[in-house]
Amino acid sequence: MRMVSLAFGLLAAVAATGASAQSINLTGTYKCVQMCRQGLVGYQAFITQNGPQLNLLNEAGEPSRAWPDWFAPATRIWVENQNQGAVYSPDGMLIQFDNGTIWQRDLGLPPPPPARRRR
């Protein structure tokens, strides 16, 4: 019985560290910049992240769920509906899917300069 408890505890610890290895938050708006579905280059895609779970909405408006890849959770995700993986940059600014599609984080326009005061 002690051996079973020890094995279960060890397995739980290994599983927890693998899932928590993804330390970057990928939540945000992205633009498809290469190999986009239906030729929708420049269209927005969205990711929301809750812990290790990700919800994706691609440039064609197709939703999918994703999670850290089992073999490389710190650098890759697995996208369920597209049945493919993707690698993301360490800063989360770029995501490249296995089929060649590339998403680049869309930070939007820079804020306008402050208004000058007239005297």
PDB file of N, CA and C in Angstrom:
ATOM      1  N   MET A   1       0.822  -1.194   0.000  1.00  0.00           N
ATOM      2  CA  MET A   1       0.000   0.000   0.000  1.00  0.00           C
ATOM      3  C   MET A   1       0.867   1.259   0.000  1.00  0.00           C
ATOM      4  N   ARG A   2       1.962   1.231   0.786  1.00  0.00           N
ATOM      5  CA  ARG A   2       2.848   2.394   0.817  1.00  0.00           C
ATOM      6  C   ARG A   2       3.500   2.615  -0.542  1.00  0.00           C
ATOM      7  N   MET A   3       3.808   1.508  -1.225  1.00  0.00           N
ATOM      8  CA  MET A   3       4.449   1.620  -2.534  1.00  0.00           C
ATOM      9  C   MET A   3       3.494   2.257  -3.541  1.00  0.00           C
ATOM     10  N   VAL A   4       2.213   1.898  -3.470  1.00  0.00           N
ATOM     11  CA  VAL A   4       1.215   2.476  -4.372  1.00  0.00           C
ATOM     12  C   VAL A   4       1.067   3.968  -4.096  1.00  0.00           C
ATOM     13  N   SER A   5       1.017   4.344  -2.820  1.00  0.00           N
ATOM     14  CA  SER A   5       0.905   5.759  -2.458  1.00  0.00           C
ATOM     15  C   SER A   5       2.121   6.543  -2.931  1.00  0.00           C
ATOM     16  N   LEU A   6       3.295   5.970  -2.767  1.00  0.00           N
ATOM     17  CA  LEU A   6       4.519   6.627  -3.205  1.00  0.00           C
ATOM     18  C   LEU A   6       4.528   6.795  -4.724  1.00  0.00           C
ATOM     19  N   ALA A   7       4.141   5.756  -5.441  1.00  0.00           N
ATOM     20  CA  ALA A   7       4.108   5.823  -6.907  1.00  0.00           C
ATOM     21  C   ALA A   7       3.089   6.853  -7.377  1.00  0.00           C
ATOM     22  N   PHE A   8       1.929   6.887  -6.731  1.00  0.00           N
ATOM     23  CA  PHE A   8       0.902   7.860  -7.107  1.00  0.00           C
ATOM     24  C   PHE A   8       1.375   9.287  -6.843  1.00  0.00           C
ATOM     25  N   GLY A   9       2.014   9.510  -5.716  1.00  0.00           N
ATOM     26  CA  GLY A   9       2.534  10.838  -5.381  1.00  0.00           C
ATOM     27  C   GLY A   9       3.614  11.284  -6.350  1.00  0.00           C
ATOM     28  N   LEU A  10       4.495  10.365  -6.720  1.00  0.00           N
ATOM     29  CA  LEU A  10       5.551  10.680  -7.680  1.00  0.00           C
ATOM     30  C   LEU A  10       4.965  11.008  -9.048  1.00  0.00           C
ATOM     31  N   LEU A  11       3.985  10.241  -9.473  1.00  0.00           N
ATOM     32  CA  LEU A  11       3.325  10.490 -10.755  1.00  0.00           C
ATOM     33  C   LEU A  11       2.614  11.839 -10.748  1.00  0.00           C
ATOM     34  N   ALA A  12       1.951  12.173  -9.661  1.00  0.00           N
ATOM     35  CA  ALA A  12       1.262  13.465  -9.559  1.00  0.00           C
ATOM     36  C   ALA A  12       2.260  14.619  -9.598  1.00  0.00           C
ATOM     37  N   ALA A  13       3.404  14.466  -8.955  1.00  0.00           N
ATOM     38  CA  ALA A  13       4.417  15.528  -8.960  1.00  0.00           C
ATOM     39  C   ALA A  13       4.991  15.739 -10.353  1.00  0.00           C
ATOM     40  N   VAL A  14       5.245  14.655 -11.069  1.00  0.00           N
ATOM     41  CA  VAL A  14       5.780  14.764 -12.432  1.00  0.00           C
ATOM     42  C   VAL A  14       4.752  15.400 -13.354  1.00  0.00           C
ATOM     43  N   ALA A  15       3.502  14.998 -13.236  1.00  0.00           N
ATOM     44  CA  ALA A  15       2.449  15.564 -14.088  1.00  0.00           C
ATOM     45  C   ALA A  15       2.252  17.042 -13.791  1.00  0.00           C
ATOM     46  N   ALA A  16       2.323  17.429 -12.548  1.00  0.00           N
ATOM     47  CA  ALA A  16       2.118  18.834 -12.183  1.00  0.00           C
ATOM     48  C   ALA A  16       3.239  19.715 -12.716  1.00  0.00           C
ATOM     49  N   THR A  17       4.480  19.241 -12.658  1.00  0.00           N
ATOM     50  CA  THR A  17       5.580  20.065 -13.154  1.00  0.00           C
ATOM     51  C   THR A  17       5.537  20.185 -14.662  1.00  0.00           C
ATOM     52  N   GLY A  18       5.117  19.153 -15.374  1.00  0.00           N
ATOM     53  CA  GLY A  18       5.025  19.229 -16.825  1.00  0.00           C
ATOM     54  C   GLY A  18       3.973  20.214 -17.276  1.00  0.00           C
ATOM     55  N   ALA A  19       2.845  20.246 -16.587  1.00  0.00           N
ATOM     56  CA  ALA A  19       1.764  21.149 -16.972  1.00  0.00           C
ATOM     57  C   ALA A  19       2.081  22.590 -16.594  1.00  0.00           C
ATOM     58  N   SER A  20       2.841  22.768 -15.550  1.00  0.00           N
ATOM     59  CA  SER A  20       3.115  24.132 -15.110  1.00  0.00           C
ATOM     60  C   SER A  20       4.388  24.706 -15.724  1.00  0.00           C
ATOM     61  N   ALA A  21       5.014  23.971 -16.625  1.00  0.00           N
ATOM     62  CA  ALA A  21       6.258  24.446 -17.217  1.00  0.00           C
ATOM     63  C   ALA A  21       6.030  25.631 -18.144  1.00  0.00           C
ATOM     64  N   GLN A  22       4.813  25.783 -18.649  1.00  0.00           N
ATOM     65  CA  GLN A  22       4.529  26.920 -19.515  1.00  0.00           C
ATOM     66  C   GLN A  22       4.400  28.155 -18.635  1.00  0.00           C
ATOM     67  N   SER A  23       5.420  28.982 -18.647  1.00  0.00           N
ATOM     68  CA  SER A  23       5.442  30.123 -17.741  1.00  0.00           C
ATOM     69  C   SER A  23       5.001  31.419 -18.404  1.00  0.00           C
ATOM     70  N   ILE A  24       4.843  31.430 -19.714  1.00  0.00           N
ATOM     71  CA  ILE A  24       4.491  32.656 -20.419  1.00  0.00           C
ATOM     72  C   ILE A  24       2.984  32.721 -20.624  1.00  0.00           C
ATOM     73  N   ASN A  25       2.446  33.909 -20.576  1.00  0.00           N
ATOM     74  CA  ASN A  25       1.022  34.103 -20.814  1.00  0.00           C
ATOM     75  C   ASN A  25       0.840  34.497 -22.280  1.00  0.00           C
ATOM     76  N   LEU A  26       0.171  33.662 -23.049  1.00  0.00           N
ATOM     77  CA  LEU A  26      -0.030  33.911 -24.475  1.00  0.00           C
ATOM     78  C   LEU A  26      -1.322  34.664 -24.765  1.00  0.00           C
ATOM     79  N   THR A  27      -2.066  35.052 -23.734  1.00  0.00           N
ATOM     80  CA  THR A  27      -3.315  35.780 -23.937  1.00  0.00           C
ATOM     81  C   THR A  27      -3.063  37.053 -24.726  1.00  0.00           C
ATOM     82  N   GLY A  28      -3.887  37.260 -25.750  1.00  0.00           N
ATOM     83  CA  GLY A  28      -3.760  38.495 -26.513  1.00  0.00           C
ATOM     84  C   GLY A  28      -4.278  38.375 -27.926  1.00  0.00           C
ATOM     85  N   THR A  29      -4.092  39.448 -28.669  1.00  0.00           N
ATOM     86  CA  THR A  29      -4.491  39.531 -30.065  1.00  0.00           C
ATOM     87  C   THR A  29      -3.258  39.325 -30.929  1.00  0.00           C
ATOM     88  N   TYR A  30      -3.413  38.526 -31.967  1.00  0.00           N
ATOM     89  CA  TYR A  30      -2.331  38.236 -32.898  1.00  0.00           C
ATOM     90  C   TYR A  30      -2.804  38.556 -34.310  1.00  0.00           C
ATOM     91  N   LYS A  31      -1.854  38.728 -35.218  1.00  0.00           N
ATOM     92  CA  LYS A  31      -2.163  38.876 -36.639  1.00  0.00           C
ATOM     93  C   LYS A  31      -1.526  37.717 -37.372  1.00  0.00           C
ATOM     94  N   CYS A  32      -2.264  37.152 -38.298  1.00  0.00           N
ATOM     95  CA  CYS A  32      -1.712  36.097 -39.130  1.00  0.00           C
ATOM     96  C   CYS A  32      -0.857  36.762 -40.205  1.00  0.00           C
ATOM     97  N   VAL A  33       0.424  36.372 -40.278  1.00  0.00           N
ATOM     98  CA  VAL A  33       1.339  37.030 -41.208  1.00  0.00           C
ATOM     99  C   VAL A  33       1.873  36.104 -42.300  1.00  0.00           C
ATOM    100  N   GLN A  34       1.629  34.786 -42.183  1.00  0.00           N
ATOM    101  CA  GLN A  34       2.139  33.865 -43.197  1.00  0.00           C
ATOM    102  C   GLN A  34       1.312  32.594 -43.216  1.00  0.00           C
ATOM    103  N   MET A  35       1.066  32.058 -44.408  1.00  0.00           N
ATOM    104  CA  MET A  35       0.340  30.795 -44.608  1.00  0.00           C
ATOM    105  C   MET A  35      -1.016  30.792 -43.889  1.00  0.00           C
ATOM    106  N   CYS A  36      -1.734  31.888 -44.005  1.00  0.00           N
ATOM    107  CA  CYS A  36      -3.015  32.038 -43.316  1.00  0.00           C
ATOM    108  C   CYS A  36      -4.102  31.238 -44.024  1.00  0.00           C
ATOM    109  N   ARG A  37      -5.081  30.794 -43.265  1.00  0.00           N
ATOM    110  CA  ARG A  37      -6.213  30.068 -43.853  1.00  0.00           C
ATOM    111  C   ARG A  37      -6.967  30.978 -44.803  1.00  0.00           C
ATOM    112  N   GLN A  38      -7.379  30.431 -45.910  1.00  0.00           N
ATOM    113  CA  GLN A  38      -8.191  31.129 -46.909  1.00  0.00           C
ATOM    114  C   GLN A  38      -7.540  32.439 -47.359  1.00  0.00           C
ATOM    115  N   GLY A  39      -6.220  32.549 -47.242  1.00  0.00           N
ATOM    116  CA  GLY A  39      -5.517  33.749 -47.684  1.00  0.00           C
ATOM    117  C   GLY A  39      -5.789  34.982 -46.845  1.00  0.00           C
ATOM    118  N   LEU A  40      -6.162  34.808 -45.599  1.00  0.00           N
ATOM    119  CA  LEU A  40      -6.537  35.927 -44.730  1.00  0.00           C
ATOM    120  C   LEU A  40      -5.324  36.551 -44.037  1.00  0.00           C
ATOM    121  N   VAL A  41      -4.319  36.924 -44.815  1.00  0.00           N
ATOM    122  CA  VAL A  41      -3.112  37.553 -44.268  1.00  0.00           C
ATOM    123  C   VAL A  41      -3.484  38.900 -43.645  1.00  0.00           C
ATOM    124  N   GLY A  42      -2.999  39.138 -42.438  1.00  0.00           N
ATOM    125  CA  GLY A  42      -3.274  40.390 -41.739  1.00  0.00           C
ATOM    126  C   GLY A  42      -4.511  40.353 -40.864  1.00  0.00           C
ATOM    127  N   TYR A  43      -5.303  39.289 -40.956  1.00  0.00           N
ATOM    128  CA  TYR A  43      -6.497  39.179 -40.114  1.00  0.00           C
ATOM    129  C   TYR A  43      -6.096  38.817 -38.692  1.00  0.00           C
ATOM    130  N   GLN A  44      -6.932  39.206 -37.744  1.00  0.00           N
ATOM    131  CA  GLN A  44      -6.631  38.981 -36.339  1.00  0.00           C
ATOM    132  C   GLN A  44      -7.010  37.577 -35.893  1.00  0.00           C
ATOM    133  N   ALA A  45      -6.228  37.068 -34.947  1.00  0.00           N
ATOM    134  CA  ALA A  45      -6.493  35.817 -34.250  1.00  0.00           C
ATOM    135  C   ALA A  45      -6.378  36.127 -32.759  1.00  0.00           C
ATOM    136  N   PHE A  46      -7.043  35.328 -31.939  1.00  0.00           N
ATOM    137  CA  PHE A  46      -7.094  35.633 -30.509  1.00  0.00           C
ATOM    138  C   PHE A  46      -6.766  34.398 -29.682  1.00  0.00           C
ATOM    139  N   ILE A  47      -6.094  34.626 -28.566  1.00  0.00           N
ATOM    140  CA  ILE A  47      -5.808  33.563 -27.604  1.00  0.00           C
ATOM    141  C   ILE A  47      -6.209  34.065 -26.226  1.00  0.00           C
ATOM    142  N   THR A  48      -6.933  33.230 -25.501  1.00  0.00           N
ATOM    143  CA  THR A  48      -7.179  33.481 -24.079  1.00  0.00           C
ATOM    144  C   THR A  48      -6.622  32.286 -23.324  1.00  0.00           C
ATOM    145  N   GLN A  49      -5.964  32.553 -22.224  1.00  0.00           N
ATOM    146  CA  GLN A  49      -5.302  31.511 -21.458  1.00  0.00           C
ATOM    147  C   GLN A  49      -5.808  31.529 -20.033  1.00  0.00           C
ATOM    148  N   ASN A  50      -6.138  30.349 -19.526  1.00  0.00           N
ATOM    149  CA  ASN A  50      -6.548  30.176 -18.143  1.00  0.00           C
ATOM    150  C   ASN A  50      -5.698  29.050 -17.576  1.00  0.00           C
ATOM    151  N   GLY A  51      -4.637  29.404 -16.866  1.00  0.00           N
ATOM    152  CA  GLY A  51      -3.686  28.394 -16.413  1.00  0.00           C
ATOM    153  C   GLY A  51      -2.992  27.809 -17.628  1.00  0.00           C
ATOM    154  N   PRO A  52      -2.890  26.488 -17.698  1.00  0.00           N
ATOM    155  CA  PRO A  52      -2.248  25.886 -18.866  1.00  0.00           C
ATOM    156  C   PRO A  52      -3.193  25.732 -20.066  1.00  0.00           C
ATOM    157  N   GLN A  53      -4.479  25.929 -19.861  1.00  0.00           N
ATOM    158  CA  GLN A  53      -5.457  25.751 -20.939  1.00  0.00           C
ATOM    159  C   GLN A  53      -5.556  27.005 -21.795  1.00  0.00           C
ATOM    160  N   LEU A  54      -5.623  26.813 -23.120  1.00  0.00           N
ATOM    161  CA  LEU A  54      -5.709  27.929 -24.057  1.00  0.00           C
ATOM    162  C   LEU A  54      -6.944  27.772 -24.926  1.00  0.00           C
ATOM    163  N   ASN A  55      -7.570  28.882 -25.247  1.00  0.00           N
ATOM    164  CA  ASN A  55      -8.648  28.930 -26.232  1.00  0.00           C
ATOM    165  C   ASN A  55      -8.159  29.792 -27.381  1.00  0.00           C
ATOM    166  N   LEU A  56      -8.204  29.250 -28.595  1.00  0.00           N
ATOM    167  CA  LEU A  56      -7.733  29.958 -29.774  1.00  0.00           C
ATOM    168  C   LEU A  56      -8.897  30.254 -30.692  1.00  0.00           C
ATOM    169  N   LEU A  57      -8.841  31.378 -31.354  1.00  0.00           N
ATOM    170  CA  LEU A  57      -9.772  31.732 -32.420  1.00  0.00           C
ATOM    171  C   LEU A  57      -8.895  32.187 -33.575  1.00  0.00           C
ATOM    172  N   ASN A  58      -8.848  31.372 -34.646  1.00  0.00           N
ATOM    173  CA  ASN A  58      -7.911  31.696 -35.720  1.00  0.00           C
ATOM    174  C   ASN A  58      -8.438  32.801 -36.618  1.00  0.00           C
ATOM    175  N   GLU A  59      -7.663  33.158 -37.618  1.00  0.00           N
ATOM    176  CA  GLU A  59      -7.996  34.270 -38.505  1.00  0.00           C
ATOM    177  C   GLU A  59      -9.261  34.026 -39.312  1.00  0.00           C
ATOM    178  N   ALA A  60      -9.677  32.774 -39.449  1.00  0.00           N
ATOM    179  CA  ALA A  60     -10.906  32.442 -40.164  1.00  0.00           C
ATOM    180  C   ALA A  60     -12.102  32.354 -39.220  1.00  0.00           C
ATOM    181  N   GLY A  61     -11.893  32.609 -37.922  1.00  0.00           N
ATOM    182  CA  GLY A  61     -12.976  32.570 -36.945  1.00  0.00           C
ATOM    183  C   GLY A  61     -13.276  31.188 -36.408  1.00  0.00           C
ATOM    184  N   GLU A  62     -12.364  30.233 -36.598  1.00  0.00           N
ATOM    185  CA  GLU A  62     -12.564  28.862 -36.130  1.00  0.00           C
ATOM    186  C   GLU A  62     -11.974  28.703 -34.729  1.00  0.00           C
ATOM    187  N   PRO A  63     -12.803  28.298 -33.755  1.00  0.00           N
ATOM    188  CA  PRO A  63     -12.298  28.144 -32.386  1.00  0.00           C
ATOM    189  C   PRO A  63     -11.594  26.807 -32.189  1.00  0.00           C
ATOM    190  N   SER A  64     -10.695  26.759 -31.238  1.00  0.00           N
ATOM    191  CA  SER A  64     -10.007  25.519 -30.894  1.00  0.00           C
ATOM    192  C   SER A  64      -9.476  25.629 -29.475  1.00  0.00           C
ATOM    193  N   ARG A  65      -9.254  24.487 -28.869  1.00  0.00           N
ATOM    194  CA  ARG A  65      -8.623  24.431 -27.549  1.00  0.00           C
ATOM    195  C   ARG A  65      -7.185  23.970 -27.737  1.00  0.00           C
ATOM    196  N   ALA A  66      -6.332  24.413 -26.832  1.00  0.00           N
ATOM    197  CA  ALA A  66      -4.926  24.022 -26.887  1.00  0.00           C
ATOM    198  C   ALA A  66      -4.393  23.896 -25.468  1.00  0.00           C
ATOM    199  N   TRP A  67      -3.256  23.247 -25.347  1.00  0.00           N
ATOM    200  CA  TRP A  67      -2.600  23.064 -24.060  1.00  0.00           C
ATOM    201  C   TRP A  67      -1.117  22.849 -24.309  1.00  0.00           C
ATOM    202  N   PRO A  68      -0.287  22.951 -23.268  1.00  0.00           N
ATOM    203  CA  PRO A  68       1.150  22.736 -23.459  1.00  0.00           C
ATOM    204  C   PRO A  68       1.424  21.343 -24.021  1.00  0.00           C
ATOM    205  N   ASP A  69       2.337  21.269 -24.971  1.00  0.00           N
ATOM    206  CA  ASP A  69       2.729  19.999 -25.574  1.00  0.00           C
ATOM    207  C   ASP A  69       3.384  19.125 -24.511  1.00  0.00           C
ATOM    208  N   TRP A  70       3.067  17.854 -24.508  1.00  0.00           N
ATOM    209  CA  TRP A  70       3.564  16.935 -23.491  1.00  0.00           C
ATOM    210  C   TRP A  70       5.088  16.841 -23.508  1.00  0.00           C
ATOM    211  N   PHE A  71       5.698  16.864 -24.707  1.00  0.00           N
ATOM    212  CA  PHE A  71       7.137  16.650 -24.823  1.00  0.00           C
ATOM    213  C   PHE A  71       7.967  17.928 -24.669  1.00  0.00           C
ATOM    214  N   ALA A  72       7.373  19.085 -24.900  1.00  0.00           N
ATOM    215  CA  ALA A  72       8.106  20.355 -24.764  1.00  0.00           C
ATOM    216  C   ALA A  72       7.157  21.432 -24.246  1.00  0.00           C
ATOM    217  N   PRO A  73       6.673  21.299 -23.010  1.00  0.00           N
ATOM    218  CA  PRO A  73       5.645  22.223 -22.510  1.00  0.00           C
ATOM    219  C   PRO A  73       6.111  23.667 -22.354  1.00  0.00           C
ATOM    220  N   ALA A  74       7.412  23.911 -22.294  1.00  0.00           N
ATOM    221  CA  ALA A  74       7.897  25.278 -22.113  1.00  0.00           C
ATOM    222  C   ALA A  74       8.033  26.040 -23.424  1.00  0.00           C
ATOM    223  N   THR A  75       7.907  25.340 -24.566  1.00  0.00           N
ATOM    224  CA  THR A  75       8.103  26.015 -25.854  1.00  0.00           C
ATOM    225  C   THR A  75       7.048  25.686 -26.893  1.00  0.00           C
ATOM    226  N   ARG A  76       6.191  24.702 -26.628  1.00  0.00           N
ATOM    227  CA  ARG A  76       5.229  24.265 -27.642  1.00  0.00           C
ATOM    228  C   ARG A  76       3.835  24.094 -27.047  1.00  0.00           C
ATOM    229  N   ILE A  77       2.832  24.255 -27.902  1.00  0.00           N
ATOM    230  CA  ILE A  77       1.451  23.951 -27.530  1.00  0.00           C
ATOM    231  C   ILE A  77       0.898  22.954 -28.537  1.00  0.00           C
ATOM    232  N   TRP A  78      -0.141  22.245 -28.155  1.00  0.00           N
ATOM    233  CA  TRP A  78      -0.848  21.327 -29.045  1.00  0.00           C
ATOM    234  C   TRP A  78      -2.252  21.878 -29.255  1.00  0.00           C
ATOM    235  N   VAL A  79      -2.644  22.059 -30.523  1.00  0.00           N
ATOM    236  CA  VAL A  79      -3.938  22.628 -30.883  1.00  0.00           C
ATOM    237  C   VAL A  79      -4.847  21.483 -31.318  1.00  0.00           C
ATOM    238  N   GLU A  80      -5.906  21.257 -30.540  1.00  0.00           N
ATOM    239  CA  GLU A  80      -6.742  20.071 -30.708  1.00  0.00           C
ATOM    240  C   GLU A  80      -7.459  20.016 -32.054  1.00  0.00           C
ATOM    241  N   ASN A  81      -8.276  21.012 -32.392  1.00  0.00           N
ATOM    242  CA  ASN A  81      -9.098  20.938 -33.604  1.00  0.00           C
ATOM    243  C   ASN A  81      -8.281  20.940 -34.884  1.00  0.00           C
ATOM    244  N   GLN A  82      -7.106  21.547 -34.852  1.00  0.00           N
ATOM    245  CA  GLN A  82      -6.254  21.571 -36.036  1.00  0.00           C
ATOM    246  C   GLN A  82      -5.314  20.375 -36.073  1.00  0.00           C
ATOM    247  N   ASN A  83      -5.293  19.600 -34.997  1.00  0.00           N
ATOM    248  CA  ASN A  83      -4.472  18.398 -34.895  1.00  0.00           C
ATOM    249  C   ASN A  83      -3.015  18.693 -35.264  1.00  0.00           C
ATOM    250  N   GLN A  84      -2.473  19.751 -34.676  1.00  0.00           N
ATOM    251  CA  GLN A  84      -1.095  20.129 -34.948  1.00  0.00           C
ATOM    252  C   GLN A  84      -0.513  20.858 -33.750  1.00  0.00           C
ATOM    253  N   GLY A  85       0.786  20.938 -33.735  1.00  0.00           N
ATOM    254  CA  GLY A  85       1.473  21.661 -32.685  1.00  0.00           C
ATOM    255  C   GLY A  85       1.898  23.033 -33.165  1.00  0.00           C
ATOM    256  N   ALA A  86       2.412  23.804 -32.232  1.00  0.00           N
ATOM    257  CA  ALA A  86       2.937  25.127 -32.555  1.00  0.00           C
ATOM    258  C   ALA A  86       4.041  25.449 -31.563  1.00  0.00           C
ATOM    259  N   VAL A  87       5.049  26.137 -32.039  1.00  0.00           N
ATOM    260  CA  VAL A  87       6.135  26.598 -31.185  1.00  0.00           C
ATOM    261  C   VAL A  87       5.967  28.102 -31.005  1.00  0.00           C
ATOM    262  N   TYR A  88       6.219  28.584 -29.786  1.00  0.00           N
ATOM    263  CA  TYR A  88       6.098  30.018 -29.540  1.00  0.00           C
ATOM    264  C   TYR A  88       7.434  30.559 -29.053  1.00  0.00           C
ATOM    265  N   SER A  89       7.672  31.829 -29.366  1.00  0.00           N
ATOM    266  CA  SER A  89       8.929  32.476 -28.980  1.00  0.00           C
ATOM    267  C   SER A  89       8.954  32.680 -27.464  1.00  0.00           C
ATOM    268  N   PRO A  90      10.146  32.799 -26.880  1.00  0.00           N
ATOM    269  CA  PRO A  90      10.244  32.973 -25.428  1.00  0.00           C
ATOM    270  C   PRO A  90       9.495  34.190 -24.895  1.00  0.00           C
ATOM    271  N   ASP A  91       9.356  35.233 -25.720  1.00  0.00           N
ATOM    272  CA  ASP A  91       8.627  36.418 -25.269  1.00  0.00           C
ATOM    273  C   ASP A  91       7.146  36.383 -25.648  1.00  0.00           C
ATOM    274  N   GLY A  92       6.709  35.329 -26.339  1.00  0.00           N
ATOM    275  CA  GLY A  92       5.303  35.186 -26.703  1.00  0.00           C
ATOM    276  C   GLY A  92       4.856  36.081 -27.842  1.00  0.00           C
ATOM    277  N   MET A  93       5.785  36.694 -28.549  1.00  0.00           N
ATOM    278  CA  MET A  93       5.434  37.609 -29.633  1.00  0.00           C
ATOM    279  C   MET A  93       5.162  36.893 -30.951  1.00  0.00           C
ATOM    280  N   LEU A  94       5.594  35.645 -31.090  1.00  0.00           N
ATOM    281  CA  LEU A  94       5.470  34.919 -32.344  1.00  0.00           C
ATOM    282  C   LEU A  94       5.058  33.485 -32.067  1.00  0.00           C
ATOM    283  N   ILE A  95       4.092  32.981 -32.836  1.00  0.00           N
ATOM    284  CA  ILE A  95       3.672  31.588 -32.745  1.00  0.00           C
ATOM    285  C   ILE A  95       3.736  31.009 -34.146  1.00  0.00           C
ATOM    286  N   GLN A  96       4.485  29.912 -34.314  1.00  0.00           N
ATOM    287  CA  GLN A  96       4.591  29.261 -35.615  1.00  0.00           C
ATOM    288  C   GLN A  96       4.008  27.860 -35.507  1.00  0.00           C
ATOM    289  N   PHE A  97       2.975  27.615 -36.312  1.00  0.00           N
ATOM    290  CA  PHE A  97       2.298  26.328 -36.318  1.00  0.00           C
ATOM    291  C   PHE A  97       3.047  25.348 -37.220  1.00  0.00           C
ATOM    292  N   ASP A  98       2.827  24.065 -36.998  1.00  0.00           N
ATOM    293  CA  ASP A  98       3.524  23.034 -37.763  1.00  0.00           C
ATOM    294  C   ASP A  98       3.212  23.094 -39.257  1.00  0.00           C
ATOM    295  N   ASN A  99       2.052  23.636 -39.638  1.00  0.00           N
ATOM    296  CA  ASN A  99       1.702  23.717 -41.061  1.00  0.00           C
ATOM    297  C   ASN A  99       2.299  24.949 -41.739  1.00  0.00           C
ATOM    298  N   GLY A 100       3.065  25.771 -41.008  1.00  0.00           N
ATOM    299  CA  GLY A 100       3.719  26.941 -41.584  1.00  0.00           C
ATOM    300  C   GLY A 100       3.037  28.259 -41.278  1.00  0.00           C
ATOM    301  N   THR A 101       1.833  28.216 -40.720  1.00  0.00           N
ATOM    302  CA  THR A 101       1.133  29.449 -40.353  1.00  0.00           C
ATOM    303  C   THR A 101       1.901  30.158 -39.244  1.00  0.00           C
ATOM    304  N   ILE A 102       2.014  31.479 -39.357  1.00  0.00           N
ATOM    305  CA  ILE A 102       2.704  32.269 -38.336  1.00  0.00           C
ATOM    306  C   ILE A 102       1.783  33.374 -37.852  1.00  0.00           C
ATOM    307  N   TRP A 103       1.647  33.460 -36.530  1.00  0.00           N
ATOM    308  CA  TRP A 103       0.918  34.549 -35.888  1.00  0.00           C
ATOM    309  C   TRP A 103       1.928  35.445 -35.186  1.00  0.00           C
ATOM    310  N   GLN A 104       1.741  36.752 -35.328  1.00  0.00           N
ATOM    311  CA  GLN A 104       2.580  37.737 -34.648  1.00  0.00           C
ATOM    312  C   GLN A 104       1.693  38.550 -33.717  1.00  0.00           C
ATOM    313  N   ARG A 105       2.158  38.748 -32.486  1.00  0.00           N
ATOM    314  CA  ARG A 105       1.345  39.488 -31.513  1.00  0.00           C
ATOM    315  C   ARG A 105       1.052  40.887 -32.031  1.00  0.00           C
ATOM    316  N   ASP A 106      -0.214  41.271 -31.942  1.00  0.00           N
ATOM    317  CA  ASP A 106      -0.665  42.585 -32.397  1.00  0.00           C
ATOM    318  C   ASP A 106      -0.799  43.485 -31.179  1.00  0.00           C
ATOM    319  N   LEU A 107       0.130  44.389 -31.027  1.00  0.00           N
ATOM    320  CA  LEU A 107       0.106  45.295 -29.878  1.00  0.00           C
ATOM    321  C   LEU A 107      -0.726  46.539 -30.135  1.00  0.00           C
ATOM    322  N   GLY A 108      -1.276  46.648 -31.336  1.00  0.00           N
ATOM    323  CA  GLY A 108      -2.098  47.806 -31.660  1.00  0.00           C
ATOM    324  C   GLY A 108      -1.236  49.010 -31.988  1.00  0.00           C
ATOM    325  N   LEU A 109      -1.883  50.106 -32.217  1.00  0.00           N
ATOM    326  CA  LEU A 109      -1.174  51.342 -32.522  1.00  0.00           C
ATOM    327  C   LEU A 109      -0.563  51.919 -31.257  1.00  0.00           C
ATOM    328  N   PRO A 110       0.550  52.620 -31.386  1.00  0.00           N
ATOM    329  CA  PRO A 110       1.118  53.262 -30.199  1.00  0.00           C
ATOM    330  C   PRO A 110       0.201  54.384 -29.733  1.00  0.00           C
ATOM    331  N   PRO A 111       0.258  54.728 -28.468  1.00  0.00           N
ATOM    332  CA  PRO A 111      -0.601  55.810 -27.975  1.00  0.00           C
ATOM    333  C   PRO A 111      -0.207  57.137 -28.629  1.00  0.00           C
ATOM    334  N   PRO A 112      -1.156  58.037 -28.776  1.00  0.00           N
ATOM    335  CA  PRO A 112      -0.824  59.334 -29.380  1.00  0.00           C
ATOM    336  C   PRO A 112       0.085  60.130 -28.447  1.00  0.00           C
ATOM    337  N   PRO A 113       0.855  61.040 -29.018  1.00  0.00           N
ATOM    338  CA  PRO A 113       1.721  61.857 -28.152  1.00  0.00           C
ATOM    339  C   PRO A 113       0.866  62.756 -27.268  1.00  0.00           C
ATOM    340  N   PRO A 114       1.382  63.138 -26.129  1.00  0.00           N
ATOM    341  CA  PRO A 114       0.602  64.014 -25.249  1.00  0.00           C
ATOM    342  C   PRO A 114       0.348  65.363 -25.927  1.00  0.00           C
ATOM    343  N   ALA A 115      -0.798  65.908 -25.649  1.00  0.00           N
ATOM    344  CA  ALA A 115      -1.163  67.202 -26.235  1.00  0.00           C
ATOM    345  C   ALA A 115      -0.277  68.293 -25.653  1.00  0.00           C
ATOM    346  N   ARG A 116       0.150  69.194 -26.519  1.00  0.00           N
ATOM    347  CA  ARG A 116       0.975  70.304 -26.043  1.00  0.00           C
ATOM    348  C   ARG A 116       0.074  71.399 -25.493  1.00  0.00           C
ATOM    349  N   ARG A 117       0.485  71.947 -24.403  1.00  0.00           N
ATOM    350  CA  ARG A 117      -0.286  73.027 -23.791  1.00  0.00           C
ATOM    351  C   ARG A 117       0.138  74.354 -24.411  1.00  0.00           C
ATOM    352  N   ARG A 118      -0.827  75.149 -24.686  1.00  0.00           N
ATOM    353  CA  ARG A 118      -0.542  76.487 -25.212  1.00  0.00           C
ATOM    354  C   ARG A 118      -0.517  77.470 -24.063  1.00  0.00           C
ATOM    355  N   ARG A 119       0.384  78.395 -24.149  1.00  0.00           N
ATOM    356  CA  ARG A 119       0.489  79.403 -23.085  1.00  0.00           C
ATOM    357  C   ARG A 119       0.001  80.724 -23.564  1.00  0.00           C
TER     358      ARG A 119
END
